[in-house]
N, C-alpha and C. Protein backbone atom coordinates (compact mmCIF):
# COMPACT_ATOMS: atom_id res chain seq x y z
N UNK A 1 1.91 52.45 -38.87
CA UNK A 1 3.00 51.90 -38.08
C UNK A 1 4.23 52.75 -38.32
N UNK A 2 4.87 53.15 -37.26
CA UNK A 2 6.10 53.93 -37.32
C UNK A 2 7.26 53.06 -37.78
N UNK A 3 8.08 53.58 -38.64
CA UNK A 3 9.28 52.86 -39.07
C UNK A 3 10.43 53.28 -38.19
N UNK A 4 10.83 52.41 -37.27
CA UNK A 4 11.95 52.70 -36.38
C UNK A 4 13.24 52.45 -37.14
N UNK A 5 14.12 53.44 -37.14
CA UNK A 5 15.39 53.33 -37.86
C UNK A 5 16.19 52.13 -37.37
N UNK A 6 16.60 51.28 -38.29
CA UNK A 6 17.41 50.12 -37.95
C UNK A 6 16.63 48.93 -37.41
N UNK A 7 15.33 49.10 -37.17
CA UNK A 7 14.53 48.00 -36.66
C UNK A 7 13.98 47.15 -37.80
N UNK A 8 14.03 45.84 -37.59
CA UNK A 8 13.43 44.91 -38.54
C UNK A 8 12.64 43.87 -37.76
N UNK A 9 11.71 43.25 -38.43
CA UNK A 9 10.98 42.14 -37.84
C UNK A 9 10.68 41.13 -38.94
N UNK A 10 10.46 39.88 -38.52
CA UNK A 10 10.17 38.85 -39.50
C UNK A 10 9.46 37.70 -38.81
N UNK A 11 8.56 37.04 -39.52
CA UNK A 11 7.83 35.89 -39.00
C UNK A 11 8.45 34.60 -39.51
N UNK A 12 8.63 33.67 -38.60
CA UNK A 12 9.27 32.38 -38.89
C UNK A 12 8.31 31.24 -38.58
N UNK A 13 8.55 30.09 -39.19
CA UNK A 13 7.74 28.90 -38.95
C UNK A 13 8.42 28.04 -37.89
N UNK A 14 7.60 27.26 -37.17
CA UNK A 14 8.14 26.27 -36.23
C UNK A 14 7.12 25.15 -36.12
N UNK A 15 7.53 24.07 -35.46
CA UNK A 15 6.63 22.95 -35.21
C UNK A 15 5.43 23.38 -34.37
N UNK A 16 5.60 24.42 -33.58
CA UNK A 16 4.54 24.91 -32.70
C UNK A 16 3.77 26.08 -33.31
N UNK A 17 3.99 26.38 -34.58
CA UNK A 17 3.30 27.48 -35.24
C UNK A 17 4.23 28.66 -35.47
N UNK A 18 3.74 29.68 -36.19
CA UNK A 18 4.58 30.83 -36.51
C UNK A 18 4.87 31.69 -35.28
N UNK A 19 6.00 32.39 -35.35
CA UNK A 19 6.37 33.36 -34.33
C UNK A 19 7.09 34.50 -35.02
N UNK A 20 7.04 35.68 -34.42
CA UNK A 20 7.64 36.87 -35.00
C UNK A 20 8.69 37.43 -34.06
N UNK A 21 9.82 37.79 -34.64
CA UNK A 21 10.95 38.38 -33.90
C UNK A 21 11.23 39.76 -34.43
N UNK A 22 11.63 40.68 -33.55
CA UNK A 22 12.02 42.03 -33.97
C UNK A 22 13.38 42.35 -33.36
N UNK A 23 14.17 43.09 -34.14
CA UNK A 23 15.53 43.45 -33.74
C UNK A 23 15.75 44.94 -33.95
N UNK A 24 16.63 45.52 -33.13
CA UNK A 24 17.03 46.91 -33.34
C UNK A 24 18.37 46.97 -34.08
N UNK A 25 18.83 45.83 -34.55
CA UNK A 25 20.10 45.74 -35.26
C UNK A 25 21.22 45.20 -34.39
N UNK A 26 21.12 45.41 -33.08
CA UNK A 26 22.14 44.94 -32.16
C UNK A 26 21.61 43.87 -31.20
N UNK A 27 20.30 43.88 -30.96
CA UNK A 27 19.70 42.94 -30.01
C UNK A 27 18.25 42.69 -30.39
N UNK A 28 17.70 41.60 -29.88
CA UNK A 28 16.28 41.35 -30.04
C UNK A 28 15.52 42.30 -29.14
N UNK A 29 14.39 42.81 -29.63
CA UNK A 29 13.59 43.71 -28.82
C UNK A 29 12.15 43.23 -28.63
N UNK A 30 11.70 42.31 -29.50
CA UNK A 30 10.32 41.81 -29.38
C UNK A 30 10.25 40.38 -29.86
N UNK A 31 9.31 39.63 -29.26
CA UNK A 31 8.97 38.28 -29.66
C UNK A 31 7.47 38.14 -29.50
N UNK A 32 6.82 37.44 -30.42
CA UNK A 32 5.40 37.13 -30.27
C UNK A 32 5.10 35.83 -31.00
N UNK A 33 4.22 35.04 -30.42
CA UNK A 33 3.70 33.90 -31.16
C UNK A 33 2.72 34.43 -32.18
N UNK A 34 2.74 33.87 -33.39
CA UNK A 34 1.86 34.31 -34.46
C UNK A 34 2.55 35.28 -35.39
N UNK A 35 1.78 35.79 -36.33
CA UNK A 35 2.26 36.79 -37.29
C UNK A 35 1.89 38.16 -36.77
N UNK A 36 2.90 38.97 -36.46
CA UNK A 36 2.69 40.28 -35.87
C UNK A 36 3.52 41.30 -36.63
N UNK A 37 2.96 42.48 -36.85
CA UNK A 37 3.72 43.56 -37.47
C UNK A 37 4.25 44.46 -36.36
N UNK A 38 5.57 44.49 -36.21
CA UNK A 38 6.22 45.36 -35.24
C UNK A 38 6.75 46.59 -35.97
N UNK A 39 7.29 47.56 -35.22
CA UNK A 39 7.93 48.73 -35.82
C UNK A 39 9.12 48.29 -36.65
N UNK A 40 9.35 48.99 -37.74
CA UNK A 40 10.50 48.72 -38.58
C UNK A 40 10.11 48.06 -39.89
N UNK A 41 11.12 47.63 -40.60
CA UNK A 41 10.92 46.99 -41.90
C UNK A 41 10.69 45.50 -41.71
N UNK A 42 9.78 44.96 -42.50
CA UNK A 42 9.54 43.51 -42.47
C UNK A 42 10.59 42.85 -43.34
N UNK A 43 11.66 42.41 -42.69
CA UNK A 43 12.77 41.77 -43.39
C UNK A 43 13.59 40.98 -42.38
N UNK A 44 14.02 39.78 -42.75
CA UNK A 44 14.87 39.03 -41.83
C UNK A 44 16.25 39.68 -41.74
N UNK A 45 16.91 39.46 -40.63
CA UNK A 45 18.28 39.94 -40.46
C UNK A 45 19.11 38.77 -39.93
N UNK A 46 20.41 38.94 -39.92
CA UNK A 46 21.27 37.88 -39.38
C UNK A 46 20.88 37.59 -37.93
N UNK A 47 20.56 38.62 -37.16
CA UNK A 47 20.20 38.44 -35.76
C UNK A 47 18.86 37.73 -35.62
N UNK A 48 17.84 38.15 -36.37
CA UNK A 48 16.54 37.47 -36.24
C UNK A 48 16.63 36.04 -36.77
N UNK A 49 17.43 35.81 -37.79
CA UNK A 49 17.62 34.44 -38.28
C UNK A 49 18.27 33.56 -37.21
N UNK A 50 19.30 34.09 -36.56
CA UNK A 50 19.97 33.35 -35.49
C UNK A 50 19.01 33.07 -34.34
N UNK A 51 18.25 34.08 -33.94
CA UNK A 51 17.28 33.91 -32.87
C UNK A 51 16.19 32.92 -33.26
N UNK A 52 15.75 32.97 -34.50
CA UNK A 52 14.73 32.03 -34.97
C UNK A 52 15.22 30.59 -34.87
N UNK A 53 16.46 30.37 -35.23
CA UNK A 53 17.03 29.03 -35.11
C UNK A 53 17.00 28.57 -33.66
N UNK A 54 17.36 29.46 -32.75
CA UNK A 54 17.34 29.12 -31.33
C UNK A 54 15.92 28.82 -30.85
N UNK A 55 14.95 29.63 -31.27
CA UNK A 55 13.55 29.40 -30.87
C UNK A 55 13.06 28.07 -31.45
N UNK A 56 13.37 27.80 -32.70
CA UNK A 56 12.96 26.53 -33.31
C UNK A 56 13.57 25.34 -32.57
N UNK A 57 14.83 25.46 -32.18
CA UNK A 57 15.47 24.40 -31.40
C UNK A 57 14.79 24.24 -30.05
N UNK A 58 14.48 25.34 -29.39
CA UNK A 58 13.79 25.30 -28.10
C UNK A 58 12.43 24.62 -28.24
N UNK A 59 11.65 25.06 -29.23
CA UNK A 59 10.29 24.53 -29.40
C UNK A 59 10.27 23.07 -29.82
N UNK A 60 11.39 22.57 -30.33
CA UNK A 60 11.47 21.15 -30.69
C UNK A 60 12.18 20.34 -29.59
N UNK A 61 12.45 20.98 -28.44
CA UNK A 61 13.04 20.29 -27.31
C UNK A 61 14.54 20.09 -27.39
N UNK A 62 15.23 20.84 -28.28
CA UNK A 62 16.67 20.66 -28.44
C UNK A 62 17.51 21.80 -27.87
N UNK A 63 16.91 22.76 -27.19
CA UNK A 63 17.65 23.89 -26.60
C UNK A 63 16.99 24.29 -25.30
N UNK A 64 17.82 24.59 -24.30
CA UNK A 64 17.31 25.03 -23.01
C UNK A 64 17.72 26.45 -22.65
N UNK A 65 18.76 26.97 -23.28
CA UNK A 65 19.29 28.31 -22.97
C UNK A 65 19.46 29.07 -24.28
N UNK A 66 19.12 30.34 -24.26
CA UNK A 66 19.27 31.20 -25.44
C UNK A 66 20.55 32.01 -25.33
N UNK A 67 21.17 32.27 -26.49
CA UNK A 67 22.44 32.99 -26.53
C UNK A 67 22.37 34.37 -27.19
N UNK A 68 21.26 34.69 -27.84
CA UNK A 68 21.18 35.95 -28.58
C UNK A 68 21.09 37.14 -27.62
N UNK A 69 21.62 38.28 -28.03
CA UNK A 69 21.53 39.47 -27.17
C UNK A 69 20.09 40.00 -27.13
N UNK A 70 19.69 40.47 -25.96
CA UNK A 70 18.34 41.00 -25.74
C UNK A 70 18.42 42.44 -25.26
N UNK A 71 17.42 43.24 -25.66
CA UNK A 71 17.29 44.59 -25.12
C UNK A 71 15.84 44.73 -24.63
N UNK A 72 15.71 44.86 -23.32
CA UNK A 72 14.40 44.98 -22.70
C UNK A 72 14.12 46.43 -22.34
N UNK A 73 13.05 46.96 -22.86
CA UNK A 73 12.62 48.32 -22.54
C UNK A 73 11.41 48.24 -21.62
N UNK A 74 11.50 48.89 -20.47
CA UNK A 74 10.39 48.89 -19.53
C UNK A 74 10.72 49.75 -18.34
N UNK A 75 9.81 49.74 -17.37
CA UNK A 75 10.01 50.51 -16.14
C UNK A 75 11.08 49.82 -15.29
N UNK A 76 11.63 50.52 -14.32
CA UNK A 76 12.58 49.86 -13.42
C UNK A 76 11.97 48.63 -12.72
N UNK A 77 10.71 48.73 -12.30
CA UNK A 77 10.05 47.58 -11.68
C UNK A 77 9.97 46.42 -12.66
N UNK A 78 9.51 46.68 -13.89
CA UNK A 78 9.42 45.61 -14.89
C UNK A 78 10.77 44.96 -15.13
N UNK A 79 11.81 45.76 -15.22
CA UNK A 79 13.15 45.21 -15.45
C UNK A 79 13.61 44.35 -14.27
N UNK A 80 13.27 44.75 -13.04
CA UNK A 80 13.58 43.93 -11.87
C UNK A 80 12.88 42.57 -11.98
N UNK A 81 11.61 42.61 -12.33
CA UNK A 81 10.82 41.38 -12.46
C UNK A 81 11.38 40.51 -13.59
N UNK A 82 11.65 41.10 -14.73
CA UNK A 82 12.15 40.32 -15.87
C UNK A 82 13.51 39.70 -15.55
N UNK A 83 14.34 40.41 -14.80
CA UNK A 83 15.64 39.85 -14.40
C UNK A 83 15.43 38.64 -13.48
N UNK A 84 14.48 38.74 -12.57
CA UNK A 84 14.19 37.61 -11.69
C UNK A 84 13.64 36.43 -12.49
N UNK A 85 12.78 36.70 -13.44
CA UNK A 85 12.21 35.63 -14.27
C UNK A 85 13.30 34.98 -15.11
N UNK A 86 14.21 35.76 -15.62
CA UNK A 86 15.29 35.22 -16.46
C UNK A 86 16.14 34.22 -15.69
N UNK A 87 16.12 34.28 -14.36
CA UNK A 87 16.91 33.37 -13.53
C UNK A 87 16.16 32.09 -13.15
N UNK A 88 14.92 31.93 -13.60
CA UNK A 88 14.19 30.69 -13.32
C UNK A 88 14.73 29.62 -14.27
N UNK A 89 15.28 28.55 -13.74
CA UNK A 89 15.87 27.52 -14.61
C UNK A 89 14.84 26.81 -15.49
N UNK A 90 15.31 26.34 -16.61
CA UNK A 90 14.52 25.52 -17.54
C UNK A 90 13.89 24.38 -16.76
N UNK A 91 12.60 24.14 -17.00
CA UNK A 91 11.93 23.02 -16.37
C UNK A 91 11.46 23.27 -14.96
N UNK A 92 11.64 24.49 -14.46
CA UNK A 92 11.19 24.82 -13.11
C UNK A 92 10.19 25.97 -13.18
N UNK A 93 9.41 26.13 -12.12
CA UNK A 93 8.47 27.24 -12.04
C UNK A 93 8.68 27.97 -10.72
N UNK A 94 8.17 29.18 -10.67
CA UNK A 94 8.13 29.98 -9.45
C UNK A 94 6.75 30.64 -9.40
N UNK A 95 6.27 30.92 -8.21
CA UNK A 95 4.99 31.61 -8.08
C UNK A 95 5.22 33.11 -8.29
N UNK A 96 4.11 33.81 -8.51
CA UNK A 96 4.19 35.26 -8.64
C UNK A 96 4.79 35.86 -7.37
N UNK A 97 4.44 35.30 -6.20
CA UNK A 97 4.99 35.79 -4.93
C UNK A 97 6.50 35.53 -4.85
N UNK A 98 6.94 34.36 -5.32
CA UNK A 98 8.37 34.05 -5.34
C UNK A 98 9.12 35.07 -6.18
N UNK A 99 8.58 35.37 -7.36
CA UNK A 99 9.24 36.32 -8.27
C UNK A 99 9.26 37.71 -7.65
N UNK A 100 8.15 38.11 -7.03
CA UNK A 100 8.11 39.42 -6.38
C UNK A 100 9.20 39.53 -5.33
N UNK A 101 9.34 38.50 -4.52
CA UNK A 101 10.37 38.51 -3.47
C UNK A 101 11.77 38.53 -4.07
N UNK A 102 12.03 37.69 -5.08
CA UNK A 102 13.39 37.64 -5.65
C UNK A 102 13.72 38.90 -6.44
N UNK A 103 12.69 39.63 -6.89
CA UNK A 103 12.92 40.90 -7.59
C UNK A 103 13.11 42.06 -6.62
N UNK A 104 12.97 41.77 -5.31
CA UNK A 104 13.14 42.82 -4.32
C UNK A 104 11.88 43.60 -4.03
N UNK A 105 10.72 43.03 -4.42
CA UNK A 105 9.44 43.71 -4.22
C UNK A 105 8.44 42.76 -3.57
N UNK A 106 8.73 42.27 -2.37
CA UNK A 106 7.80 41.33 -1.73
C UNK A 106 6.42 41.96 -1.58
N UNK A 107 5.40 41.16 -1.78
CA UNK A 107 4.04 41.67 -1.68
C UNK A 107 3.51 42.24 -2.99
N UNK A 108 4.30 42.25 -4.03
CA UNK A 108 3.87 42.84 -5.31
C UNK A 108 3.48 41.77 -6.33
N UNK A 109 2.83 40.70 -5.87
CA UNK A 109 2.48 39.59 -6.76
C UNK A 109 1.63 40.01 -7.95
N UNK A 110 0.63 40.83 -7.71
CA UNK A 110 -0.24 41.28 -8.81
C UNK A 110 0.53 42.11 -9.83
N UNK A 111 1.40 42.95 -9.33
CA UNK A 111 2.23 43.77 -10.23
C UNK A 111 3.19 42.89 -11.03
N UNK A 112 3.64 41.79 -10.44
CA UNK A 112 4.48 40.84 -11.18
C UNK A 112 3.69 40.27 -12.35
N UNK A 113 2.42 39.94 -12.11
CA UNK A 113 1.57 39.45 -13.20
C UNK A 113 1.45 40.46 -14.32
N UNK A 114 1.33 41.74 -13.97
CA UNK A 114 1.24 42.78 -15.00
C UNK A 114 2.56 42.91 -15.75
N UNK A 115 3.68 42.78 -15.04
CA UNK A 115 4.99 42.85 -15.70
C UNK A 115 5.17 41.65 -16.63
N UNK A 116 4.70 40.49 -16.22
CA UNK A 116 4.75 39.31 -17.10
C UNK A 116 3.97 39.57 -18.38
N UNK A 117 2.79 40.14 -18.24
CA UNK A 117 1.94 40.42 -19.41
C UNK A 117 2.59 41.44 -20.34
N UNK A 118 3.42 42.33 -19.79
CA UNK A 118 4.09 43.36 -20.60
C UNK A 118 5.44 42.90 -21.15
N UNK A 119 5.86 41.69 -20.82
CA UNK A 119 7.16 41.17 -21.24
C UNK A 119 7.28 41.17 -22.76
N UNK A 120 8.18 41.95 -23.34
CA UNK A 120 8.29 42.02 -24.80
C UNK A 120 9.07 40.85 -25.40
N UNK A 121 9.70 40.04 -24.56
CA UNK A 121 10.54 38.95 -25.08
C UNK A 121 10.18 37.61 -24.43
N UNK A 122 8.87 37.32 -24.45
CA UNK A 122 8.40 36.03 -23.92
C UNK A 122 9.19 34.91 -24.57
N UNK A 123 9.37 33.83 -23.91
CA UNK A 123 10.19 32.67 -24.23
C UNK A 123 11.64 32.98 -23.87
N UNK A 124 12.21 34.08 -24.35
CA UNK A 124 13.59 34.45 -23.99
C UNK A 124 13.66 34.85 -22.52
N UNK A 125 12.69 35.60 -22.05
CA UNK A 125 12.49 35.90 -20.63
C UNK A 125 11.26 35.08 -20.27
N UNK A 126 11.45 33.88 -19.72
CA UNK A 126 10.41 32.85 -19.68
C UNK A 126 9.30 33.07 -18.66
N UNK A 127 8.44 34.04 -18.92
CA UNK A 127 7.35 34.33 -17.99
C UNK A 127 6.34 33.17 -17.92
N UNK A 128 6.40 32.25 -18.87
CA UNK A 128 5.52 31.08 -18.77
C UNK A 128 5.88 30.21 -17.57
N UNK A 129 7.07 30.40 -17.00
CA UNK A 129 7.52 29.63 -15.83
C UNK A 129 6.98 30.21 -14.52
N UNK A 130 6.22 31.31 -14.61
CA UNK A 130 5.64 31.93 -13.42
C UNK A 130 4.20 31.45 -13.30
N UNK A 131 3.89 30.83 -12.16
CA UNK A 131 2.57 30.24 -11.95
C UNK A 131 1.93 30.82 -10.70
N UNK A 132 0.64 30.56 -10.56
CA UNK A 132 -0.08 31.03 -9.39
C UNK A 132 0.23 30.19 -8.16
N UNK A 133 -0.31 30.63 -7.06
CA UNK A 133 -0.13 29.88 -5.80
C UNK A 133 -0.68 28.47 -5.96
N UNK A 134 -0.06 27.54 -5.31
CA UNK A 134 -0.46 26.13 -5.33
C UNK A 134 -0.38 25.53 -6.73
N UNK A 135 0.48 26.09 -7.58
CA UNK A 135 0.71 25.52 -8.91
C UNK A 135 -0.34 25.84 -9.95
N UNK A 136 -1.30 26.71 -9.63
CA UNK A 136 -2.29 27.11 -10.64
C UNK A 136 -1.57 27.73 -11.82
N UNK A 137 -2.10 27.51 -12.99
CA UNK A 137 -1.44 27.95 -14.21
C UNK A 137 -1.22 29.47 -14.24
N UNK A 138 -2.21 30.25 -13.88
CA UNK A 138 -2.11 31.70 -13.96
C UNK A 138 -2.25 32.17 -15.40
N UNK A 139 -2.11 33.45 -15.63
CA UNK A 139 -2.29 34.01 -16.95
C UNK A 139 -1.05 33.90 -17.81
N UNK A 140 -1.25 34.19 -19.10
CA UNK A 140 -0.15 34.22 -20.06
C UNK A 140 -0.61 35.03 -21.25
N UNK A 141 0.23 35.94 -21.71
CA UNK A 141 -0.14 36.84 -22.81
C UNK A 141 -0.57 36.08 -24.06
N UNK A 142 -0.06 34.87 -24.25
CA UNK A 142 -0.38 34.10 -25.45
C UNK A 142 -1.38 32.98 -25.16
N UNK A 143 -2.04 33.06 -24.02
CA UNK A 143 -3.11 32.13 -23.69
C UNK A 143 -2.65 30.95 -22.84
N UNK A 144 -3.59 30.38 -22.08
CA UNK A 144 -3.25 29.28 -21.18
C UNK A 144 -2.79 28.01 -21.92
N UNK A 145 -3.33 27.74 -23.09
CA UNK A 145 -2.91 26.54 -23.83
C UNK A 145 -1.44 26.64 -24.23
N UNK A 146 -1.01 27.82 -24.65
CA UNK A 146 0.40 28.01 -25.03
C UNK A 146 1.30 27.88 -23.79
N UNK A 147 0.86 28.45 -22.67
CA UNK A 147 1.64 28.35 -21.44
C UNK A 147 1.77 26.89 -21.02
N UNK A 148 0.68 26.16 -21.05
CA UNK A 148 0.70 24.74 -20.69
C UNK A 148 1.62 23.96 -21.63
N UNK A 149 1.57 24.27 -22.93
CA UNK A 149 2.45 23.62 -23.90
C UNK A 149 3.92 23.84 -23.54
N UNK A 150 4.29 25.08 -23.24
CA UNK A 150 5.69 25.39 -22.92
C UNK A 150 6.14 24.71 -21.63
N UNK A 151 5.28 24.69 -20.63
CA UNK A 151 5.64 24.02 -19.38
C UNK A 151 5.78 22.51 -19.58
N UNK A 152 4.90 21.93 -20.38
CA UNK A 152 5.01 20.50 -20.69
C UNK A 152 6.26 20.21 -21.51
N UNK A 153 6.56 21.08 -22.46
CA UNK A 153 7.76 20.93 -23.27
C UNK A 153 9.00 20.84 -22.37
N UNK A 154 9.04 21.68 -21.35
CA UNK A 154 10.18 21.73 -20.43
C UNK A 154 10.10 20.67 -19.34
N UNK A 155 8.98 19.95 -19.26
CA UNK A 155 8.83 18.96 -18.20
C UNK A 155 8.71 19.60 -16.84
N UNK A 156 8.19 20.81 -16.79
CA UNK A 156 8.09 21.56 -15.53
C UNK A 156 7.04 20.96 -14.61
N UNK A 157 7.38 20.89 -13.36
CA UNK A 157 6.43 20.44 -12.34
C UNK A 157 5.92 21.68 -11.63
N UNK A 158 4.59 21.72 -11.45
CA UNK A 158 3.98 22.87 -10.76
C UNK A 158 3.57 22.50 -9.37
């Protein structure tokens, strides 16, 4: 594993199980459910601690909006999609086609699914709120059970 200068990551506990956060020192750069080794030193930082508190509050139903700074690295298309996803309100869903259209790429539903799968900051950029046509659950990088849990947590109607 490459040691990225200034990057740290750390795994935290929550009611919904462990999750791992990574920071570049100025912003969050990665999130994953479970224990994951990201680039950098395995050590908590003020930023990952703050973000962990926000995630724990979210997973316990006490937070709907995150305040920590994020840095998303991806292609221009991915960034368009992630920006559209970031605008989906808590407790609501959009279809892959809806996201493609709002990202300025109508007809790119499948590519939206791929961008969701590549999302480095799941939960913060809530790709779990993107569902298939007719409310079908669709895919999720952390599995359908986790996606269903998050949608139920938010009281989302599909």
